[in-house]
Each structure stands twice: as structure tokens, then as C-alpha cells.
Amino acid sequence: MDKAQLMKGILEGCILKIIDQEETYGYEIVTRLQDYGFTDAKEGTLYPLLLRLEKKKLIQGVFKESPLGPKRKYYTLTQDGEIYVSRFYQVWKEVEASVESIFGGR
């Protein structure tokens, strides 16, 4: 089972939801994902996803001063990102219900 492939699309939606909750930066996003149980989430996985989300214009990044060293890139959702997060959750619930009906009927 290729867990990484399955997680790729799910992570995008979860990353967007984390950014939707508050302006945040990469390392903080990784930490929050790990806190929620995505133990395989690493910075090397996150940054390409953030770049892709930025290219899709779902998030925007702004460099800001950090109290602990170099500037950090903080991310916020764009209006398209807000729409995407809402739609992602609707689709997730539909997929979850379908999978549950298959596996729950054992």
C-alpha cells in the first residue's frame, strides 16, 4: 500500500485548513500536522506542497521578521483558497462515507 500517494491529496487540504485557522509558517505547519497524527509529515514533504499551493494561487506567502533568526515566510489563504478548503471538506465527507459504507458493511 503506497501511503504517500494516498496522503498527498489529503495533506494539501489539511495544510490549507491549518493556514485558514491562522497565518503561519512552514515549520509550524509541519509541527501541527505531526500533532494531529501525520507523523510522516516532514519539511521536505511540506515545502514542495506549499510551492504548488502558491502557484495555484490558493495561498500567498509574505516574508516577515522572526524573533529567532532569519525572516520566515508566513502563509495566508487567498479567496480561491477559502473556496477550495470548503469544497475539499465536502468531497472528503463524500469519499469518507463511501469508503465507510464499503468497509463498514463487513
C-alpha atoms as a PDB file:
ATOM      1  CA  MET A   1       0.000   0.000   0.000  1.00  0.00           C
ATOM      2  CA  ASP A   2       1.510   3.337  -1.062  1.00  0.00           C
ATOM      3  CA  LYS A   3       0.523   5.527   1.875  1.00  0.00           C
ATOM      4  CA  ALA A   4       2.480   8.503   0.499  1.00  0.00           C
ATOM      5  CA  GLN A   5       0.379   8.641  -2.665  1.00  0.00           C
ATOM      6  CA  LEU A   6      -2.860   8.435  -0.698  1.00  0.00           C
ATOM      7  CA  MET A   7      -1.730  11.134   1.720  1.00  0.00           C
ATOM      8  CA  LYS A   8      -0.614  13.646  -0.941  1.00  0.00           C
ATOM      9  CA  GLY A   9      -4.082  14.999  -1.766  1.00  0.00           C
ATOM     10  CA  ILE A  10      -5.271  14.747   1.805  1.00  0.00           C
ATOM     11  CA  LEU A  11      -2.281  16.726   3.060  1.00  0.00           C
ATOM     12  CA  GLU A  12      -2.995  19.588   0.668  1.00  0.00           C
ATOM     13  CA  GLY A  13      -6.474  20.015   2.117  1.00  0.00           C
ATOM     14  CA  CYS A  14      -5.219  19.720   5.692  1.00  0.00           C
ATOM     15  CA  ILE A  15      -2.419  22.234   5.093  1.00  0.00           C
ATOM     16  CA  LEU A  16      -4.927  24.700   3.677  1.00  0.00           C
ATOM     17  CA  LYS A  17      -7.186  24.234   6.710  1.00  0.00           C
ATOM     18  CA  ILE A  18      -4.273  24.873   9.096  1.00  0.00           C
ATOM     19  CA  ILE A  19      -3.424  28.066   7.198  1.00  0.00           C
ATOM     20  CA  ASP A  20      -7.116  29.010   7.224  1.00  0.00           C
ATOM     21  CA  GLN A  21      -7.111  28.878  11.034  1.00  0.00           C
ATOM     22  CA  GLU A  22      -4.247  31.382  11.344  1.00  0.00           C
ATOM     23  CA  GLU A  23      -1.385  32.915   9.410  1.00  0.00           C
ATOM     24  CA  THR A  24       1.515  30.521   9.839  1.00  0.00           C
ATOM     25  CA  TYR A  25       4.899  29.404   8.501  1.00  0.00           C
ATOM     26  CA  GLY A  26       6.314  26.104   7.254  1.00  0.00           C
ATOM     27  CA  TYR A  27       7.890  24.620  10.358  1.00  0.00           C
ATOM     28  CA  GLU A  28       4.804  25.443  12.414  1.00  0.00           C
ATOM     29  CA  ILE A  29       2.605  23.708   9.814  1.00  0.00           C
ATOM     30  CA  VAL A  30       4.764  20.553   9.992  1.00  0.00           C
ATOM     31  CA  THR A  31       4.551  20.592  13.797  1.00  0.00           C
ATOM     32  CA  ARG A  32       0.761  20.960  13.728  1.00  0.00           C
ATOM     33  CA  LEU A  33       0.403  18.143  11.182  1.00  0.00           C
ATOM     34  CA  GLN A  34       2.516  15.877  13.399  1.00  0.00           C
ATOM     35  CA  ASP A  35       0.451  16.875  16.444  1.00  0.00           C
ATOM     36  CA  TYR A  36      -2.687  15.821  14.542  1.00  0.00           C
ATOM     37  CA  GLY A  37      -1.177  12.394  13.815  1.00  0.00           C
ATOM     38  CA  PHE A  38       0.522  12.896  10.456  1.00  0.00           C
ATOM     39  CA  THR A  39       3.764  11.536  11.867  1.00  0.00           C
ATOM     40  CA  ASP A  40       5.315  11.127   8.401  1.00  0.00           C
ATOM     41  CA  ALA A  41       4.965  14.857   7.676  1.00  0.00           C
ATOM     42  CA  LYS A  42       8.391  16.401   7.217  1.00  0.00           C
ATOM     43  CA  GLU A  43       9.649  19.762   5.980  1.00  0.00           C
ATOM     44  CA  GLY A  44      10.955  18.079   2.825  1.00  0.00           C
ATOM     45  CA  THR A  45       7.402  16.984   2.045  1.00  0.00           C
ATOM     46  CA  LEU A  46       5.756  20.251   3.027  1.00  0.00           C
ATOM     47  CA  TYR A  47       7.707  22.860   1.093  1.00  0.00           C
ATOM     48  CA  PRO A  48       7.007  21.434  -2.389  1.00  0.00           C
ATOM     49  CA  LEU A  49       3.302  21.304  -1.445  1.00  0.00           C
ATOM     50  CA  LEU A  50       3.376  24.920  -0.256  1.00  0.00           C
ATOM     51  CA  LEU A  51       5.038  25.951  -3.506  1.00  0.00           C
ATOM     52  CA  ARG A  52       2.381  24.129  -5.538  1.00  0.00           C
ATOM     53  CA  LEU A  53      -0.426  25.715  -3.496  1.00  0.00           C
ATOM     54  CA  GLU A  54       1.158  29.124  -4.033  1.00  0.00           C
ATOM     55  CA  LYS A  55       1.414  28.544  -7.795  1.00  0.00           C
ATOM     56  CA  LYS A  56      -2.265  27.556  -7.824  1.00  0.00           C
ATOM     57  CA  LYS A  57      -2.937  30.879  -6.049  1.00  0.00           C
ATOM     58  CA  LEU A  58      -4.626  29.122  -3.112  1.00  0.00           C
ATOM     59  CA  ILE A  59      -2.182  30.641  -0.620  1.00  0.00           C
ATOM     60  CA  GLN A  60       0.096  33.640  -0.549  1.00  0.00           C
ATOM     61  CA  GLY A  61       3.351  33.963   1.297  1.00  0.00           C
ATOM     62  CA  VAL A  62       4.956  37.038   2.814  1.00  0.00           C
ATOM     63  CA  PHE A  63       8.369  37.205   4.450  1.00  0.00           C
ATOM     64  CA  LYS A  64       8.294  38.664   7.955  1.00  0.00           C
ATOM     65  CA  GLU A  65      10.863  39.243  10.648  1.00  0.00           C
ATOM     66  CA  SER A  66      11.361  36.411  13.088  1.00  0.00           C
ATOM     67  CA  PRO A  67      12.251  36.879  16.738  1.00  0.00           C
ATOM     68  CA  LEU A  68      14.592  33.891  16.454  1.00  0.00           C
ATOM     69  CA  GLY A  69      16.772  34.468  13.399  1.00  0.00           C
ATOM     70  CA  PRO A  70      16.162  34.930   9.685  1.00  0.00           C
ATOM     71  CA  LYS A  71      12.892  36.079   8.165  1.00  0.00           C
ATOM     72  CA  ARG A  72      10.124  33.497   7.851  1.00  0.00           C
ATOM     73  CA  LYS A  73       7.622  33.111   5.059  1.00  0.00           C
ATOM     74  CA  TYR A  74       4.126  33.345   6.545  1.00  0.00           C
ATOM     75  CA  TYR A  75       1.192  31.946   4.598  1.00  0.00           C
ATOM     76  CA  THR A  76      -2.433  33.023   4.374  1.00  0.00           C
ATOM     77  CA  LEU A  77      -5.281  31.726   2.246  1.00  0.00           C
ATOM     78  CA  THR A  78      -6.439  33.592  -0.807  1.00  0.00           C
ATOM     79  CA  GLN A  79     -10.129  33.852  -1.637  1.00  0.00           C
ATOM     80  CA  ASP A  80      -9.687  30.894  -4.024  1.00  0.00           C
ATOM     81  CA  GLY A  81      -8.018  29.009  -1.166  1.00  0.00           C
ATOM     82  CA  GLU A  82     -11.018  29.589   1.082  1.00  0.00           C
ATOM     83  CA  ILE A  83     -13.335  28.194  -1.588  1.00  0.00           C
ATOM     84  CA  TYR A  84     -11.003  25.234  -2.141  1.00  0.00           C
ATOM     85  CA  VAL A  85     -10.904  24.360   1.582  1.00  0.00           C
ATOM     86  CA  SER A  86     -14.679  24.355   1.781  1.00  0.00           C
ATOM     87  CA  ARG A  87     -15.018  22.181  -1.314  1.00  0.00           C
ATOM     88  CA  PHE A  88     -12.218  19.847  -0.168  1.00  0.00           C
ATOM     89  CA  TYR A  89     -14.078  19.104   3.055  1.00  0.00           C
ATOM     90  CA  GLN A  90     -17.343  18.428   1.207  1.00  0.00           C
ATOM     91  CA  VAL A  91     -15.600  15.982  -1.129  1.00  0.00           C
ATOM     92  CA  TRP A  92     -13.728  14.386   1.780  1.00  0.00           C
ATOM     93  CA  LYS A  93     -17.001  13.702   3.609  1.00  0.00           C
ATOM     94  CA  GLU A  94     -18.455  12.093   0.467  1.00  0.00           C
ATOM     95  CA  VAL A  95     -15.404   9.862  -0.009  1.00  0.00           C
ATOM     96  CA  GLU A  96     -15.300   9.009   3.695  1.00  0.00           C
ATOM     97  CA  ALA A  97     -18.976   7.961   3.596  1.00  0.00           C
ATOM     98  CA  SER A  98     -18.417   5.805   0.514  1.00  0.00           C
ATOM     99  CA  VAL A  99     -15.387   4.027   1.976  1.00  0.00           C
ATOM    100  CA  GLU A 100     -17.157   3.547   5.299  1.00  0.00           C
ATOM    101  CA  SER A 101     -20.187   2.018   3.600  1.00  0.00           C
ATOM    102  CA  ILE A 102     -17.927  -0.483   1.844  1.00  0.00           C
ATOM    103  CA  PHE A 103     -15.748  -1.387   4.834  1.00  0.00           C
ATOM    104  CA  GLY A 104     -18.430  -0.936   7.489  1.00  0.00           C
ATOM    105  CA  GLY A 105     -20.690  -3.496   5.837  1.00  0.00           C
ATOM    106  CA  ARG A 106     -18.369  -6.422   6.550  1.00  0.00           C
END
